[in-house]
Protein backbone atom coordinates (compact mmCIF):
# COMPACT_ATOMS: atom_id res chain seq x y z
CA MET A 1 -220.44 -142.62 118.94
CA ASN A 2 -221.12 -138.96 119.75
CA GLU A 3 -224.67 -137.78 120.34
CA LYS A 4 -224.83 -135.68 117.18
CA MET A 5 -223.96 -138.61 114.93
CA ARG A 6 -226.39 -140.84 116.80
CA ASP A 7 -229.20 -138.35 116.13
CA ILE A 8 -228.26 -138.24 112.43
CA LEU A 9 -228.38 -142.02 112.07
CA ASP A 10 -231.64 -142.11 114.01
CA THR A 11 -233.11 -139.54 111.61
CA LEU A 12 -232.14 -141.71 108.65
CA GLY A 13 -233.47 -144.82 110.40
CA ASN A 14 -236.85 -143.08 110.56
CA ARG A 15 -236.59 -142.38 106.79
CA ASP A 16 -236.45 -138.65 107.39
CA ASP A 17 -234.26 -136.28 105.37
CA LEU A 18 -231.19 -134.70 106.91
CA SER A 19 -230.97 -130.94 107.29
CA ALA A 20 -228.09 -129.15 105.58
CA GLU A 21 -226.39 -128.81 108.97
CA GLN A 22 -226.78 -132.52 109.74
CA ALA A 23 -225.54 -133.58 106.30
CA ALA A 24 -222.55 -131.22 106.47
CA TYR A 25 -221.56 -132.60 109.86
CA ALA A 26 -222.00 -136.25 108.84
CA PHE A 27 -219.94 -135.95 105.66
CA GLY A 28 -217.34 -133.82 107.37
CA GLU A 29 -216.84 -136.63 109.87
CA LEU A 30 -216.84 -139.23 107.09
CA PHE A 31 -214.14 -137.50 105.02
CA GLU A 32 -212.06 -136.85 108.12
CA GLY A 33 -212.03 -140.59 108.83
CA MET A 34 -213.82 -140.08 112.15
CA LEU A 35 -216.60 -142.62 111.55
CA SER A 36 -216.22 -146.31 112.25
CA PRO A 37 -216.96 -148.70 109.36
CA ALA A 38 -220.31 -149.51 110.97
CA GLN A 39 -221.23 -145.82 111.26
CA ALA A 40 -220.12 -145.05 107.70
CA GLY A 41 -222.07 -148.01 106.35
CA ALA A 42 -225.16 -147.02 108.32
CA LEU A 43 -224.94 -143.46 106.97
CA LEU A 44 -224.67 -144.54 103.34
CA MET A 45 -227.32 -147.26 103.65
CA GLY A 46 -229.71 -144.95 105.47
CA LEU A 47 -229.42 -142.37 102.71
CA ARG A 48 -229.93 -144.93 99.98
CA THR A 49 -232.90 -146.56 101.68
CA LYS A 50 -234.91 -143.35 102.03
CA GLY A 51 -233.53 -141.74 98.84
CA GLU A 52 -230.91 -139.01 98.74
CA THR A 53 -231.93 -135.34 98.45
CA PRO A 54 -230.13 -132.47 96.71
CA VAL A 55 -229.32 -131.04 100.14
CA GLU A 56 -227.64 -134.27 101.26
CA LEU A 57 -225.80 -134.92 97.99
CA GLY A 58 -224.79 -131.27 97.84
CA GLU A 59 -223.31 -131.28 101.34
CA ALA A 60 -221.46 -134.49 100.52
CA ALA A 61 -219.97 -132.77 97.45
CA ARG A 62 -219.02 -129.69 99.45
CA ALA A 63 -217.30 -131.83 102.07
CA GLY A 64 -215.46 -133.81 99.40
CA LEU A 65 -214.30 -130.68 97.57
CA ALA A 66 -213.14 -129.11 100.83
CA LYS A 67 -210.77 -132.05 101.32
CA ALA A 68 -209.62 -132.22 97.67
CA ARG A 69 -206.21 -131.09 96.47
CA THR A 70 -206.71 -127.65 94.94
CA VAL A 71 -205.89 -126.89 91.29
CA HIS A 72 -203.99 -123.61 91.01
CA ASP A 73 -203.98 -120.66 88.59
CA LEU A 74 -206.18 -121.99 85.79
CA PRO A 75 -206.72 -119.38 83.02
CA THR A 76 -210.06 -117.62 83.08
CA ASP A 77 -210.13 -116.03 79.62
CA LYS A 78 -212.12 -118.94 78.17
CA PRO A 79 -214.76 -121.31 79.61
CA ILE A 80 -213.40 -124.41 81.32
CA LEU A 81 -215.45 -127.47 80.44
CA ASP A 82 -215.80 -130.89 82.03
CA ILE A 83 -217.52 -133.74 80.17
CA VAL A 84 -218.32 -136.52 82.59
CA GLY A 85 -220.85 -139.23 83.43
CA THR A 86 -222.00 -140.96 86.55
CA GLY A 87 -221.01 -144.32 85.04
CA GLY A 88 -222.60 -147.46 86.35
CA ASP A 89 -224.80 -147.65 83.27
CA ARG A 90 -223.57 -151.13 82.25
CA THR A 91 -223.57 -150.16 78.56
CA SER A 92 -219.95 -151.17 77.86
CA SER A 93 -219.95 -148.39 75.27
CA PHE A 94 -216.85 -146.79 73.77
CA ASN A 95 -215.27 -143.83 75.60
CA CYS A 96 -217.46 -141.19 74.02
CA SER A 97 -217.06 -138.44 76.63
CA THR A 98 -213.27 -138.83 76.47
CA ALA A 99 -213.27 -138.60 72.68
CA VAL A 100 -215.48 -135.52 72.78
CA SER A 101 -213.22 -133.89 75.37
CA LEU A 102 -210.23 -134.34 73.06
CA TYR A 103 -212.17 -133.01 70.08
CA MET A 104 -213.14 -129.92 72.07
CA ALA A 105 -209.50 -129.33 73.01
CA SER A 106 -208.43 -129.77 69.39
CA MET A 107 -211.00 -127.15 68.36
CA GLY A 108 -209.54 -124.50 70.64
CA HIS A 109 -211.64 -125.00 73.75
CA ARG A 110 -210.36 -125.80 77.25
CA VAL A 111 -211.28 -129.06 78.93
CA VAL A 112 -210.38 -130.17 82.45
CA LYS A 113 -211.64 -133.72 82.75
CA HIS A 114 -211.92 -135.39 86.14
CA GLY A 115 -212.27 -139.16 86.17
CA ASN A 116 -211.13 -142.60 87.17
CA ARG A 117 -210.49 -146.09 85.90
CA ALA A 118 -213.31 -148.42 84.90
CA VAL A 119 -215.55 -149.80 87.62
CA SER A 120 -218.52 -151.20 85.72
CA SER A 121 -217.56 -150.42 82.11
CA SER A 122 -215.07 -151.99 79.71
CA SER A 123 -212.78 -148.98 79.90
CA GLY A 124 -212.90 -145.86 82.08
CA SER A 125 -211.68 -142.43 81.05
CA ALA A 126 -208.35 -142.99 82.81
CA ASP A 127 -207.86 -146.33 81.04
CA ALA A 128 -208.54 -144.77 77.63
CA LEU A 129 -206.34 -141.73 78.20
CA GLU A 130 -203.51 -143.88 79.51
CA GLY A 131 -203.75 -145.96 76.34
CA LEU A 132 -203.47 -142.77 74.29
CA GLY A 133 -200.29 -141.80 76.14
CA ILE A 134 -201.86 -138.97 78.14
CA SER A 135 -200.50 -138.52 81.65
CA LEU A 136 -202.53 -139.55 84.68
CA THR A 137 -200.06 -137.97 87.10
CA VAL A 138 -200.55 -134.25 86.45
CA GLY A 139 -200.53 -132.55 89.84
CA PRO A 140 -202.37 -129.43 91.04
CA ASP A 141 -199.42 -127.15 90.27
CA GLU A 142 -198.94 -128.58 86.76
CA ALA A 143 -202.55 -128.55 85.56
CA ALA A 144 -202.62 -124.93 84.37
CA GLY A 145 -199.49 -125.37 82.26
CA GLU A 146 -200.76 -128.57 80.67
CA LEU A 147 -204.10 -126.95 79.92
CA ALA A 148 -202.41 -123.97 78.25
CA ARG A 149 -200.17 -126.26 76.22
CA THR A 150 -202.71 -128.73 74.86
CA GLY A 151 -206.17 -127.42 75.75
CA PHE A 152 -206.78 -130.58 77.78
CA VAL A 153 -205.77 -131.84 81.19
CA PHE A 154 -206.90 -134.92 83.07
CA LEU A 155 -207.29 -134.91 86.83
CA PHE A 156 -207.04 -138.53 87.95
CA ALA A 157 -209.49 -138.71 90.85
CA PRO A 158 -207.36 -140.79 93.29
CA ASN A 159 -204.58 -138.17 93.01
CA TYR A 160 -206.92 -135.36 94.02
CA HIS A 161 -209.12 -136.95 96.68
CA PRO A 162 -206.90 -138.60 99.31
CA SER A 163 -209.75 -138.49 101.84
CA PHE A 164 -211.61 -141.11 99.81
CA ALA A 165 -209.21 -143.67 101.24
CA HIS A 166 -211.28 -143.52 104.44
CA ILE A 167 -214.41 -144.64 102.60
CA ALA A 168 -213.05 -147.08 100.02
CA PRO A 169 -212.98 -150.16 102.32
CA VAL A 170 -216.56 -149.53 103.44
CA ARG A 171 -217.78 -149.16 99.88
CA ARG A 172 -216.01 -152.38 98.88
CA GLU A 173 -217.56 -154.25 101.79
CA MET A 174 -221.04 -152.91 101.03
CA GLY A 175 -220.76 -153.78 97.35
CA ILE A 176 -223.91 -151.84 96.35
CA ARG A 177 -224.82 -148.47 94.89
CA THR A 178 -224.46 -145.60 97.33
CA LEU A 179 -224.45 -141.85 97.12
CA PHE A 180 -220.80 -142.09 96.03
CA ASN A 181 -221.86 -143.44 92.63
CA MET A 182 -223.39 -140.02 91.92
CA LEU A 183 -220.76 -137.94 93.71
CA GLY A 184 -217.83 -138.24 91.28
CA PRO A 185 -219.11 -135.82 88.60
CA LEU A 186 -219.66 -133.18 91.30
CA LEU A 187 -216.09 -133.30 92.62
CA ASN A 188 -213.95 -131.81 89.86
CA PRO A 189 -211.41 -129.78 91.88
CA ALA A 190 -210.95 -127.37 88.96
CA ARG A 191 -214.51 -126.11 89.56
CA PRO A 192 -215.33 -125.93 85.80
CA SER A 193 -217.47 -123.09 84.46
CA HIS A 194 -219.34 -125.48 82.13
CA GLN A 195 -220.24 -129.14 82.39
CA LEU A 196 -221.85 -131.77 80.19
CA LEU A 197 -222.94 -134.24 82.86
CA GLY A 198 -224.40 -137.60 81.86
CA VAL A 199 -226.56 -139.63 84.22
CA GLY A 200 -226.90 -143.37 83.69
CA GLN A 201 -230.25 -143.65 85.48
CA ALA A 202 -233.05 -141.41 84.24
CA ALA A 203 -234.67 -141.33 87.69
CA ALA A 204 -231.57 -139.60 89.08
CA LEU A 205 -231.68 -136.69 86.60
CA PRO A 206 -233.62 -134.26 88.84
CA LEU A 207 -231.41 -135.07 91.83
CA MET A 208 -228.19 -134.43 89.90
CA ALA A 209 -229.47 -131.24 88.25
CA ASP A 210 -230.88 -129.77 91.45
CA THR A 211 -227.70 -130.64 93.36
CA LEU A 212 -225.46 -129.05 90.74
CA ALA A 213 -227.55 -125.87 90.77
CA ARG A 214 -227.31 -125.81 94.55
CA ILE A 215 -223.53 -126.23 94.90
CA ALA A 216 -222.38 -124.38 91.76
CA PRO A 217 -224.74 -121.45 91.13
CA ASP A 218 -222.35 -119.94 88.55
CA ILE A 219 -222.05 -123.09 86.42
CA THR A 220 -223.70 -123.59 83.03
CA ALA A 221 -224.46 -127.25 82.44
CA LEU A 222 -226.46 -129.84 80.57
CA VAL A 223 -227.46 -132.78 82.77
CA ILE A 224 -228.62 -135.49 80.42
CA HIS A 225 -229.67 -139.13 80.04
CA GLY A 226 -229.45 -140.76 76.62
CA ALA A 227 -231.93 -143.14 75.03
CA GLY A 228 -230.91 -146.76 74.65
CA GLY A 229 -231.69 -148.60 77.86
CA GLU A 230 -235.31 -148.97 76.85
CA VAL A 231 -234.15 -150.34 73.46
CA ASP A 232 -231.75 -152.92 74.88
CA ALA A 233 -232.41 -153.58 78.57
CA SER A 234 -229.26 -155.71 78.85
CA MET A 235 -227.15 -152.56 78.39
CA GLY A 236 -228.76 -150.34 81.02
CA GLY A 237 -229.07 -146.61 80.40
CA PHE A 238 -226.62 -144.23 78.76
CA ASP A 239 -224.86 -141.31 80.43
CA GLU A 240 -224.27 -139.57 77.07
CA LEU A 241 -226.44 -138.31 74.24
CA THR A 242 -227.11 -141.24 71.93
CA PRO A 243 -228.23 -141.76 68.31
CA PHE A 244 -230.84 -144.33 69.43
CA GLY A 245 -233.61 -141.91 70.42
CA PRO A 246 -234.27 -138.61 72.20
CA THR A 247 -232.03 -137.45 75.04
CA THR A 248 -233.77 -135.89 78.03
CA GLY A 249 -232.48 -133.88 80.94
CA PHE A 250 -232.06 -130.38 82.29
CA VAL A 251 -230.25 -127.13 81.59
CA VAL A 252 -228.60 -125.74 84.71
CA ALA A 253 -227.82 -122.01 84.51
CA HIS A 254 -227.77 -119.05 86.92
CA GLY A 255 -228.74 -121.37 89.77
CA GLY A 256 -231.91 -122.48 87.99
CA VAL A 257 -233.01 -125.71 86.31
CA SER A 258 -235.12 -126.07 83.15
CA PRO A 259 -236.05 -129.09 80.96
CA PHE A 260 -233.92 -130.18 78.00
CA ARG A 261 -234.69 -132.54 75.12
CA LEU A 262 -232.75 -133.35 71.97
CA ASP A 263 -233.87 -135.67 69.19
CA PRO A 264 -230.97 -136.96 67.06
CA ALA A 265 -233.31 -137.44 64.11
CA GLU A 266 -233.55 -133.66 63.77
CA TYR A 267 -229.85 -133.59 62.90
CA GLY A 268 -229.70 -136.71 60.71
CA LEU A 269 -227.98 -138.69 63.47
CA ALA A 270 -230.54 -141.38 64.28
CA GLY A 271 -231.08 -144.95 63.15
CA TYR A 272 -228.48 -146.91 65.14
CA ALA A 273 -228.68 -149.55 67.86
CA PRO A 274 -226.99 -149.65 71.29
CA ALA A 275 -224.99 -152.73 70.37
CA ASP A 276 -223.28 -150.69 67.63
CA VAL A 277 -221.30 -148.70 70.21
CA ARG A 278 -220.40 -151.59 72.51
CA VAL A 279 -216.77 -152.58 73.15
CA ASN A 280 -215.87 -155.84 74.84
CA ASP A 281 -212.59 -155.03 76.59
CA LYS A 282 -209.88 -152.40 77.02
CA PRO A 283 -207.98 -153.20 73.80
CA ALA A 284 -211.21 -152.91 71.81
CA ALA A 285 -212.07 -149.67 73.61
CA LEU A 286 -208.66 -148.19 72.83
CA ALA A 287 -208.91 -149.17 69.16
CA ALA A 288 -212.39 -147.64 68.98
CA ILE A 289 -211.43 -144.27 70.45
CA LYS A 290 -208.35 -144.04 68.22
CA ASN A 291 -210.50 -144.63 65.17
CA VAL A 292 -213.06 -142.05 66.30
CA LEU A 293 -210.35 -139.44 66.95
CA ARG A 294 -209.00 -140.05 63.43
CA GLY A 295 -212.46 -139.75 61.86
CA ARG A 296 -212.57 -143.45 61.02
CA GLY A 297 -214.93 -144.91 63.64
CA ASN A 298 -217.97 -146.97 62.79
CA PRO A 299 -221.04 -144.88 61.81
CA ALA A 300 -222.83 -145.28 65.16
CA MET A 301 -219.78 -144.23 67.18
CA MET A 302 -219.16 -141.31 64.85
CA ALA A 303 -222.81 -140.18 65.14
CA MET A 304 -222.72 -140.45 68.94
CA THR A 305 -219.50 -138.43 69.05
CA VAL A 306 -221.05 -135.75 66.83
CA LEU A 307 -224.13 -135.50 69.05
CA ASN A 308 -222.13 -135.00 72.22
CA LEU A 309 -219.62 -132.70 70.55
CA GLY A 310 -222.41 -130.56 69.13
CA ALA A 311 -224.06 -130.33 72.55
CA ALA A 312 -220.72 -129.40 74.15
CA LEU A 313 -220.12 -126.68 71.56
CA HIS A 314 -223.62 -125.31 72.14
CA LEU A 315 -222.99 -125.37 75.88
CA VAL A 316 -219.76 -123.35 75.86
CA THR A 317 -220.55 -120.97 72.98
CA GLY A 318 -224.31 -120.43 73.34
CA ARG A 319 -224.65 -120.75 69.57
CA ASP A 320 -227.62 -122.34 67.81
CA MET A 321 -227.69 -126.12 68.31
CA ALA A 322 -228.07 -126.86 64.59
CA ALA A 323 -224.99 -124.79 63.73
CA CYS A 324 -223.03 -126.54 66.48
CA MET A 325 -224.06 -129.95 65.16
CA THR A 326 -222.87 -128.97 61.67
CA GLU A 327 -219.52 -127.85 63.07
CA ALA A 328 -219.28 -131.09 65.04
CA LYS A 329 -220.04 -133.22 61.95
CA ASN A 330 -217.27 -131.51 60.01
CA ALA A 331 -214.76 -131.85 62.84
CA VAL A 332 -215.45 -135.54 63.40
CA ALA A 333 -215.52 -136.38 59.70
CA GLY A 334 -212.14 -134.68 59.35
CA GLY A 335 -210.60 -136.37 62.37
CA ALA A 336 -209.82 -133.02 64.00
CA ALA A 337 -208.58 -134.75 67.17
CA SER A 338 -206.21 -137.14 65.40
CA ARG A 339 -203.16 -135.63 67.13
CA PHE A 340 -204.36 -137.27 70.35
CA ALA A 341 -204.54 -140.66 68.61
CA GLY A 342 -200.91 -140.58 67.60
CA GLY A 343 -201.30 -139.70 63.93
CA ALA A 344 -202.94 -137.57 61.32
CA ALA A 345 -206.44 -138.11 60.02
CA GLY A 346 -206.59 -140.49 57.10
CA GLU A 347 -203.23 -142.16 57.81
C-alpha cells in the first residue's frame, strides 16, 4: 500500500473526514482498480462508519463520471430530465419513476433515465422497461437519436460504467450499505439539466442535496423523500412523492439548496395506504405499470403517478405547482403514455 492511501485509511480509522484532495485520490484509485479488496473494503467501511460527507460523496461521483462512457451530441433546445431514486427503500412499490418518465416523454419533454435492474425491489427500472420492449442496449452514440425519436432514452448503468466491475466483488462480499447505494443517481453520464431525485432514507436528504449542488451547480432538481415508512414500517421509506402524507426534501438550483414540502391533500391526492402500491414480483410490476400508462391503474398508483408527474412538470417548466398537478391528472386519466404500454388508452 502506498503512503498516501495509508494516510487516507488512517484518517477514516480516526473517524475524521477526508479532504477533497484525499477523497479524489482514493476514489480515483478505486475506479482504476488499483486498490486491493482489503483496501477497497476498508475505504467503504471507514466512510460508512463515520458518515459520508458531501465532499466525499461528490468526489466519488466525479471519479465515477470521469470513467463513464460519454453520451454524445444530446440536443440542448429543451431541458433534459432524469427521474431516479436511490432505491434500497424496501417498499416493493410499482415502478412509479419509470411510468412518470414515460409520461413526460409522451407529453413532449425529454427524459434520459439512468438505472439498473432490481436489487432490493420487486422490479427495477431496467426490468420494467425491458418488459415494455424498450431497449437496454442503447450506446453512447445512439442515445441522441433515440431521444429525438421518442423523447425517452434509457442508459443501462452497467453499459456506461465499466469501471464498476472493479468494485462489484467487494460490494458483494461486504453485503451491507455503502456509499455506492447513494452514488447511482449522481452518475447519469448524460449530465441532465433537471432531476427529480428520490431518497429512500430521510436522514440522507441533506447529504444528497448538498452533494448534487456541489457537483452540478447548473442543475435544477428536487431531492425528495415521500411519506409512507412511518405509516407502514415493514415497507421502509419511499424514494418518490407519495399520496400517504407530505413529501419533504430540498430544491437544488443555482448551486444552492432550499427546503421543499408538498402535501398531497392540497391537490386531492391523499387518503391511500402504502400497501396499495405494492407489487409482489416482476410480472405483477409489469402489469401494474402497463395499466398506469394506459390510465387504468388502481387509484393509489394513479394518484402517486400524478403527484410525481406534476412535480416533474413543475421542475422543468417552472409553472405553478397546482397548474402542473391539474395537467398531470388529465394526462394520467387519459393514459397519455399508452403508446409505451403497447396499445391505446381504453383498449
